[in-house]
Amino acid sequence: MKQKFRLYRRGNSGRYYIHDDATGKQESLHTNDRAAALRLLHAKNEAVLQPAMNLQIAQVYLQHGDPAMSRRTWQHVMEQMVSTKTGSTRERWEYAIRDKAFDLIRDRKLIQTSSEHFLEVLKSGSVSTNVYLRRVHNFAMGMHWLPWPVLPKLHWPPVQYKEKRAITFEEHQKIINREYNPATRAYFQLLWQLGGSQTDIATLTAEDIDWNDRTIAYKRQKTGVTSLISFGEEIAAILQTLPQSGYLFPALARLHERHRSKLFIKRLATVGISGVSLHSYRYAWAERAMEAGYPERFAMQALGHSSKAIHRAYSKKAQVKLPPLEEYERKIVPLPTTARAMGI
């Protein structure tokens, strides 16, 4: 292997120097003794050579256990990650891995990736880049394609999401008052009343409605969790204006979620509203339910949430006014006569 440094002697002083063949930099060894200079030269070259040799030795052992180790790139990892997804989740992943920031490591081999490579990707990318690179890295670690983490967990830049908020009732009213298409207006009204995701509400069918029990039940497309919600007169009045079989919103059901989002953004521009999206209707429903004292287990069932942590994240900004327990109990069942007599 070619040596990085070479020795030479300068001028009449007899002092020895080393020359870096890679950078052209020259450095004094501060000695006139050739034997000492040779020992220092050897030490310098060994310091450079040893890490490279260690990496080569490690690669030999790794390739023996996994022959594909020397060829596997980050593009391969991302493709394998996408293959495990289905439906809309797969579509999001397919879009995410096309991120230009990933071009910096896309064709780089896993075992030749350093923390500097990841930091460069994160610096040139966005919040989404940070989120998906973490998942790709964890997938590679879980598949034992990486012998060690490229970037230790504590050194990942924190994920800083943009502020998300619920849409207010006043903003909702401006939107539906400006919307002249009856089906689209009904769509926005059901988003407000049901708190469903934009795709789940757009793909509701008449068969999802049980008029006898006054309930709407559907499986969330994102998670497969069943969402069950009861409805009253306001929602019933909206539903009666919609088709009685098949999709309630045939035109919106055919659109991709990106196109529905763009239509909503255009509507927001006409009424001077910003900072919200169709997903803000879910935040609004969760906050309204919490403020009204709606039991959390019922709200989770209505929104199709299986995690209390997720549901609380949706309703974290709700201004709750807690009623006295005795008042809440009287709404459900009258107190026993003896309890009333005792003033309990």
Protein backbone atom coordinates (compact mmCIF):
# COMPACT_ATOMS: atom_id res chain seq x y z
CA MET A 1 0.00 0.00 0.00
CA LYS A 2 1.33 3.44 -0.92
CA GLN A 3 2.65 5.46 2.03
CA LYS A 4 0.95 8.77 2.77
CA PHE A 5 4.08 10.50 4.12
CA ARG A 6 7.69 10.54 2.86
CA LEU A 7 10.83 11.78 4.54
CA TYR A 8 13.28 14.42 3.32
CA ARG A 9 16.03 16.63 4.72
CA ARG A 10 16.05 20.36 4.19
CA GLY A 11 18.97 22.71 3.60
CA ASN A 12 22.15 23.06 5.61
CA SER A 13 20.37 22.74 8.97
CA GLY A 14 20.10 18.99 8.58
CA ARG A 15 16.57 18.97 10.07
CA TYR A 16 14.18 16.26 8.83
CA TYR A 17 10.70 16.96 7.44
CA ILE A 18 7.78 14.87 6.23
CA HIS A 19 5.81 15.56 3.06
CA ASP A 20 2.10 14.66 2.78
CA ASP A 21 1.67 13.31 -0.76
CA ALA A 22 -2.12 13.74 -0.56
CA THR A 23 -2.26 17.39 0.47
CA GLY A 24 1.26 18.61 -0.29
CA LYS A 25 1.62 19.83 3.27
CA GLN A 26 5.09 19.75 4.83
CA GLU A 27 5.84 19.41 8.54
CA SER A 28 9.06 19.54 10.55
CA LEU A 29 9.97 16.54 12.73
CA HIS A 30 12.21 18.78 14.88
CA THR A 31 15.15 16.39 14.76
CA ASN A 32 18.46 15.99 12.95
CA ASP A 33 18.76 12.31 13.90
CA ARG A 34 17.90 10.11 10.94
CA ALA A 35 16.98 7.10 13.09
CA ALA A 36 14.55 9.19 15.16
CA ALA A 37 13.13 10.74 12.00
CA LEU A 38 12.50 7.29 10.49
CA ARG A 39 10.69 6.16 13.65
CA LEU A 40 8.44 9.24 13.50
CA LEU A 41 7.81 8.71 9.79
CA HIS A 42 6.84 5.08 10.42
CA ALA A 43 4.48 6.10 13.24
CA LYS A 44 2.79 8.69 11.01
CA ASN A 45 2.21 6.20 8.20
CA GLU A 46 0.96 3.52 10.63
CA ALA A 47 -1.55 5.96 12.11
CA VAL A 48 -3.03 6.42 8.64
CA LEU A 49 -2.73 2.78 7.58
CA GLN A 50 -4.20 1.07 10.66
CA PRO A 51 -7.78 2.42 10.44
CA ALA A 52 -7.96 1.45 6.78
CA MET A 53 -6.63 -2.02 7.58
CA ASN A 54 -9.12 -2.45 10.43
CA LEU A 55 -11.98 -1.52 8.10
CA GLN A 56 -10.79 -4.01 5.49
CA ILE A 57 -10.52 -6.78 8.10
CA ALA A 58 -14.04 -5.99 9.35
CA GLN A 59 -15.40 -6.08 5.80
CA VAL A 60 -13.89 -9.53 5.22
CA TYR A 61 -15.65 -10.94 8.29
CA LEU A 62 -18.96 -9.24 7.47
CA GLN A 63 -18.95 -10.41 3.86
CA HIS A 64 -18.38 -13.98 5.01
CA GLY A 65 -21.62 -13.87 7.01
CA ASP A 66 -23.54 -11.82 4.41
CA PRO A 67 -22.16 -11.96 0.84
CA ALA A 68 -24.36 -9.01 -0.21
CA MET A 69 -22.87 -6.77 2.47
CA SER A 70 -20.27 -5.26 0.16
CA ARG A 71 -22.86 -4.37 -2.50
CA ARG A 72 -25.86 -3.19 -0.47
CA THR A 73 -26.63 0.52 -0.89
CA TRP A 74 -29.07 2.87 0.80
CA GLN A 75 -31.27 2.79 -2.30
CA HIS A 76 -31.64 -0.95 -1.76
CA VAL A 77 -32.62 -0.37 1.88
CA MET A 78 -35.22 2.23 0.92
CA GLU A 79 -36.72 -0.04 -1.74
CA GLN A 80 -36.95 -2.91 0.74
CA MET A 81 -38.59 -0.57 3.25
CA VAL A 82 -41.20 0.50 0.69
CA SER A 83 -41.96 -3.14 -0.18
CA THR A 84 -43.21 -3.70 3.38
CA LYS A 85 -45.85 -0.96 3.06
CA THR A 86 -49.32 -1.02 1.50
CA GLY A 87 -52.00 1.42 0.40
CA SER A 88 -51.63 5.12 1.09
CA THR A 89 -48.68 4.47 3.42
CA ARG A 90 -46.76 2.94 0.53
CA GLU A 91 -47.58 5.93 -1.65
CA ARG A 92 -46.16 8.28 1.01
CA TRP A 93 -42.99 6.22 1.24
CA GLU A 94 -42.56 6.10 -2.53
CA TYR A 95 -42.83 9.87 -2.60
CA ALA A 96 -40.53 10.32 0.43
CA ILE A 97 -37.59 8.30 -0.91
CA ARG A 98 -37.49 10.49 -4.02
CA ASP A 99 -36.30 13.32 -1.78
CA LYS A 100 -33.31 14.97 -3.50
CA ALA A 101 -31.42 15.06 -0.20
CA PHE A 102 -31.17 11.25 -0.35
CA ASP A 103 -29.20 11.54 -3.60
CA LEU A 104 -26.15 12.20 -1.42
CA ILE A 105 -26.21 8.63 -0.09
CA ARG A 106 -28.54 6.82 -2.49
CA ASP A 107 -25.76 4.85 -4.22
CA ARG A 108 -23.40 4.74 -1.26
CA LYS A 109 -22.67 1.37 0.29
CA LEU A 110 -23.86 0.91 3.85
CA ILE A 111 -20.49 -0.18 5.23
CA GLN A 112 -18.82 2.84 3.65
CA THR A 113 -21.22 5.36 5.21
CA SER A 114 -20.01 7.66 7.99
CA SER A 115 -21.88 9.98 10.33
CA GLU A 116 -20.68 12.93 8.22
CA HIS A 117 -22.61 11.56 5.23
CA PHE A 118 -25.84 11.42 7.26
CA LEU A 119 -25.32 14.89 8.71
CA GLU A 120 -24.85 16.26 5.19
CA VAL A 121 -28.15 14.67 4.11
CA LEU A 122 -29.96 16.08 7.15
CA LYS A 123 -28.48 19.52 6.58
CA SER A 124 -29.66 19.67 2.98
CA GLY A 125 -33.07 18.09 3.66
CA SER A 126 -36.21 18.98 5.57
CA VAL A 127 -38.14 17.69 8.57
CA SER A 128 -39.47 14.89 6.39
CA THR A 129 -35.88 13.92 5.46
CA ASN A 130 -35.01 13.60 9.15
CA VAL A 131 -38.06 11.45 9.90
CA TYR A 132 -37.65 9.05 6.98
CA LEU A 133 -33.86 8.73 7.24
CA ARG A 134 -34.28 7.68 10.88
CA ARG A 135 -36.75 5.00 9.84
CA VAL A 136 -34.55 3.75 6.99
CA HIS A 137 -31.54 3.64 9.32
CA ASN A 138 -33.51 1.75 11.99
CA PHE A 139 -34.76 -0.69 9.34
CA ALA A 140 -31.18 -1.41 8.22
CA MET A 141 -30.13 -1.93 11.84
CA GLY A 142 -33.07 -4.23 12.49
CA MET A 143 -32.22 -6.31 9.42
CA HIS A 144 -28.58 -6.59 10.68
CA TRP A 145 -27.32 -4.95 7.51
CA LEU A 146 -25.33 -2.48 9.59
CA PRO A 147 -22.75 -3.70 12.12
CA TRP A 148 -23.07 -0.44 14.10
CA PRO A 149 -25.22 2.73 13.99
CA VAL A 150 -24.12 5.26 11.41
CA LEU A 151 -25.29 8.10 13.63
CA PRO A 152 -25.81 7.46 17.37
CA LYS A 153 -29.34 8.13 18.61
CA LEU A 154 -28.34 11.07 20.81
CA HIS A 155 -26.62 12.86 17.91
CA TRP A 156 -29.58 12.97 15.53
CA PRO A 157 -30.79 16.57 15.06
CA PRO A 158 -34.17 16.96 16.80
CA VAL A 159 -37.27 16.75 14.61
CA GLN A 160 -38.95 20.14 14.70
CA TYR A 161 -42.44 19.95 13.29
CA LYS A 162 -44.34 22.98 12.12
CA GLU A 163 -47.09 24.18 14.41
CA LYS A 164 -50.35 22.34 13.83
CA ARG A 165 -53.68 23.72 14.93
CA ALA A 166 -57.37 23.05 14.74
CA ILE A 167 -59.63 24.96 12.41
CA THR A 168 -61.97 27.29 14.31
CA PHE A 169 -65.75 27.40 13.98
CA GLU A 170 -65.55 30.91 12.51
CA GLU A 171 -63.07 29.76 9.86
CA HIS A 172 -65.22 26.74 9.06
CA GLN A 173 -68.26 28.99 8.60
CA LYS A 174 -66.34 31.24 6.20
CA ILE A 175 -65.35 28.23 4.12
CA ILE A 176 -68.81 26.69 3.77
CA ASN A 177 -70.43 30.08 3.15
CA ARG A 178 -68.02 30.65 0.27
CA GLU A 179 -68.41 27.11 -1.14
CA TYR A 180 -71.14 27.03 -3.81
CA ASN A 181 -70.74 23.38 -4.83
CA PRO A 182 -73.35 21.48 -2.70
CA ALA A 183 -71.35 18.23 -2.54
CA THR A 184 -68.10 19.97 -1.56
CA ARG A 185 -69.93 22.07 1.03
CA ALA A 186 -71.46 18.91 2.51
CA TYR A 187 -68.00 17.34 2.53
CA PHE A 188 -66.58 20.19 4.62
CA GLN A 189 -69.60 20.01 6.94
CA LEU A 190 -69.09 16.27 7.54
CA LEU A 191 -65.40 16.83 8.20
CA TRP A 192 -66.42 19.26 10.94
CA GLN A 193 -69.15 17.03 12.36
CA LEU A 194 -67.37 13.66 12.15
CA GLY A 195 -63.68 14.56 12.55
CA GLY A 196 -62.63 11.95 10.01
CA SER A 197 -59.53 12.14 7.85
CA GLN A 198 -59.99 13.71 4.44
CA THR A 199 -59.77 10.37 2.61
CA ASP A 200 -62.02 8.45 5.02
CA ILE A 201 -64.79 11.04 4.71
CA ALA A 202 -64.36 11.39 0.94
CA THR A 203 -64.78 7.61 0.52
CA LEU A 204 -67.74 7.17 2.86
CA THR A 205 -70.57 5.16 1.32
CA ALA A 206 -74.28 5.09 2.00
CA GLU A 207 -73.79 1.53 3.23
CA ASP A 208 -71.61 2.83 6.08
CA ILE A 209 -74.68 4.52 7.58
CA ASP A 210 -77.02 2.72 9.98
CA TRP A 211 -80.17 4.83 10.07
CA ASN A 212 -81.84 2.66 12.69
CA ASP A 213 -79.09 3.13 15.27
CA ARG A 214 -78.06 6.53 13.90
CA THR A 215 -74.40 5.49 13.56
CA ILE A 216 -71.68 5.69 10.91
CA ALA A 217 -69.03 2.97 10.92
CA TYR A 218 -66.03 2.59 8.62
CA LYS A 219 -62.50 1.22 8.68
CA ARG A 220 -59.80 3.86 8.55
CA GLN A 221 -57.76 3.46 5.39
CA LYS A 222 -54.54 4.42 7.16
CA THR A 223 -54.68 2.00 10.09
CA GLY A 224 -57.58 -0.38 9.50
CA VAL A 225 -59.02 0.59 12.91
CA THR A 226 -62.82 0.85 12.94
CA SER A 227 -64.26 4.31 13.52
CA LEU A 228 -67.77 4.33 14.99
CA ILE A 229 -69.68 7.55 15.62
CA SER A 230 -73.28 8.34 16.48
CA PHE A 231 -75.02 11.22 14.74
CA GLY A 232 -77.87 13.55 15.50
CA GLU A 233 -80.24 15.75 13.56
CA GLU A 234 -77.59 18.10 12.10
CA ILE A 235 -75.60 15.28 10.53
CA ALA A 236 -78.78 13.48 9.47
CA ALA A 237 -79.90 16.58 7.56
CA ILE A 238 -76.57 16.65 5.69
CA LEU A 239 -76.66 12.92 4.90
CA GLN A 240 -80.16 13.13 3.45
CA THR A 241 -78.89 15.49 0.74
CA LEU A 242 -76.30 12.95 -0.43
CA PRO A 243 -76.59 9.80 -2.59
CA GLN A 244 -78.47 6.91 -0.96
CA SER A 245 -76.20 4.24 -2.42
CA GLY A 246 -72.51 4.00 -3.24
CA TYR A 247 -70.10 6.83 -2.50
CA LEU A 248 -71.53 9.88 -0.75
CA PHE A 249 -69.02 12.02 -2.66
CA PRO A 250 -68.30 10.23 -5.97
CA ALA A 251 -66.20 13.03 -7.47
CA LEU A 252 -64.07 13.59 -4.35
CA ALA A 253 -63.60 9.84 -3.81
CA ARG A 254 -61.85 9.56 -7.19
CA LEU A 255 -59.35 12.32 -6.38
CA HIS A 256 -55.96 11.65 -4.82
CA GLU A 257 -55.52 13.19 -1.37
CA ARG A 258 -52.95 15.65 -2.79
CA HIS A 259 -55.52 17.03 -5.21
CA ARG A 260 -58.18 17.36 -2.50
CA SER A 261 -55.63 19.25 -0.40
CA LYS A 262 -54.86 21.61 -3.30
CA LEU A 263 -58.56 22.34 -3.80
CA PHE A 264 -58.88 23.15 -0.10
CA ILE A 265 -55.86 25.46 -0.20
CA LYS A 266 -57.43 27.34 -3.10
CA ARG A 267 -60.64 27.72 -1.12
CA LEU A 268 -58.68 29.03 1.90
CA ALA A 269 -57.09 31.68 -0.30
CA THR A 270 -60.52 32.99 -1.33
CA VAL A 271 -61.56 33.59 2.29
CA GLY A 272 -58.21 34.80 3.65
CA ILE A 273 -57.44 31.84 5.93
CA SER A 274 -53.99 30.28 6.41
CA GLY A 275 -52.24 27.85 8.72
CA VAL A 276 -54.77 25.03 8.44
CA SER A 277 -55.33 21.96 6.28
CA LEU A 278 -58.05 19.37 5.84
CA HIS A 279 -56.42 17.45 8.68
CA SER A 280 -57.12 20.41 10.97
CA TYR A 281 -60.74 19.26 11.10
CA ARG A 282 -59.60 16.20 13.09
CA TYR A 283 -57.83 18.43 15.60
CA ALA A 284 -60.92 20.59 15.85
CA TRP A 285 -63.22 17.62 16.53
CA ALA A 286 -60.89 16.25 19.23
CA GLU A 287 -60.66 19.63 20.96
CA ARG A 288 -64.42 20.15 20.80
CA ALA A 289 -65.01 16.71 22.30
CA MET A 290 -62.59 17.36 25.14
CA GLU A 291 -64.02 20.78 25.92
CA ALA A 292 -67.53 19.33 26.03
CA GLY A 293 -66.46 16.64 28.50
CA TYR A 294 -67.00 13.85 25.98
CA PRO A 295 -65.52 10.62 27.47
CA GLU A 296 -62.12 9.90 26.00
CA ARG A 297 -62.93 6.29 25.15
CA PHE A 298 -65.90 7.44 23.05
CA ALA A 299 -63.82 10.12 21.32
CA MET A 300 -61.11 7.58 20.51
CA GLN A 301 -63.70 5.25 18.99
CA ALA A 302 -65.20 8.06 16.94
CA LEU A 303 -61.81 9.17 15.58
CA GLY A 304 -60.54 5.62 15.11
CA HIS A 305 -57.61 6.11 17.48
CA SER A 306 -56.17 3.04 19.18
CA SER A 307 -53.63 5.02 21.21
CA LYS A 308 -54.49 7.42 24.03
CA ALA A 309 -51.20 9.22 23.42
CA ILE A 310 -52.21 10.01 19.83
CA HIS A 311 -55.65 11.16 20.84
CA ARG A 312 -54.28 13.44 23.56
CA ALA A 313 -51.88 14.97 21.04
CA TYR A 314 -54.89 15.91 18.91
CA SER A 315 -56.74 17.54 21.78
CA LYS A 316 -53.82 19.08 23.69
CA LYS A 317 -54.94 22.67 23.11
CA ALA A 318 -58.51 22.18 24.27
CA GLN A 319 -59.70 24.58 26.97
CA VAL A 320 -61.45 22.20 29.33
CA LYS A 321 -64.15 23.34 31.77
CA LEU A 322 -64.74 20.43 34.11
CA PRO A 323 -68.29 20.06 35.45
CA PRO A 324 -68.81 18.84 39.03
CA LEU A 325 -68.84 15.04 39.21
CA GLU A 326 -72.28 15.01 40.85
CA GLU A 327 -73.70 17.06 37.96
CA TYR A 328 -72.20 14.71 35.39
CA GLU A 329 -73.55 11.67 37.29
CA ARG A 330 -77.08 13.10 37.40
CA LYS A 331 -77.03 13.43 33.62
CA ILE A 332 -76.39 9.69 33.33
CA VAL A 333 -78.42 8.14 36.19
CA PRO A 334 -80.42 9.60 39.11
CA LEU A 335 -78.79 9.26 42.52
CA PRO A 336 -80.32 6.65 44.89
CA THR A 337 -83.04 7.98 47.18
CA THR A 338 -80.97 7.31 50.27
CA ALA A 339 -78.03 9.21 48.86
CA ARG A 340 -80.21 12.22 48.05
CA ALA A 341 -81.72 12.12 51.53
CA MET A 342 -78.23 12.21 53.06
CA GLY A 343 -77.24 15.11 50.85
CA ILE A 344 -74.51 13.09 49.15
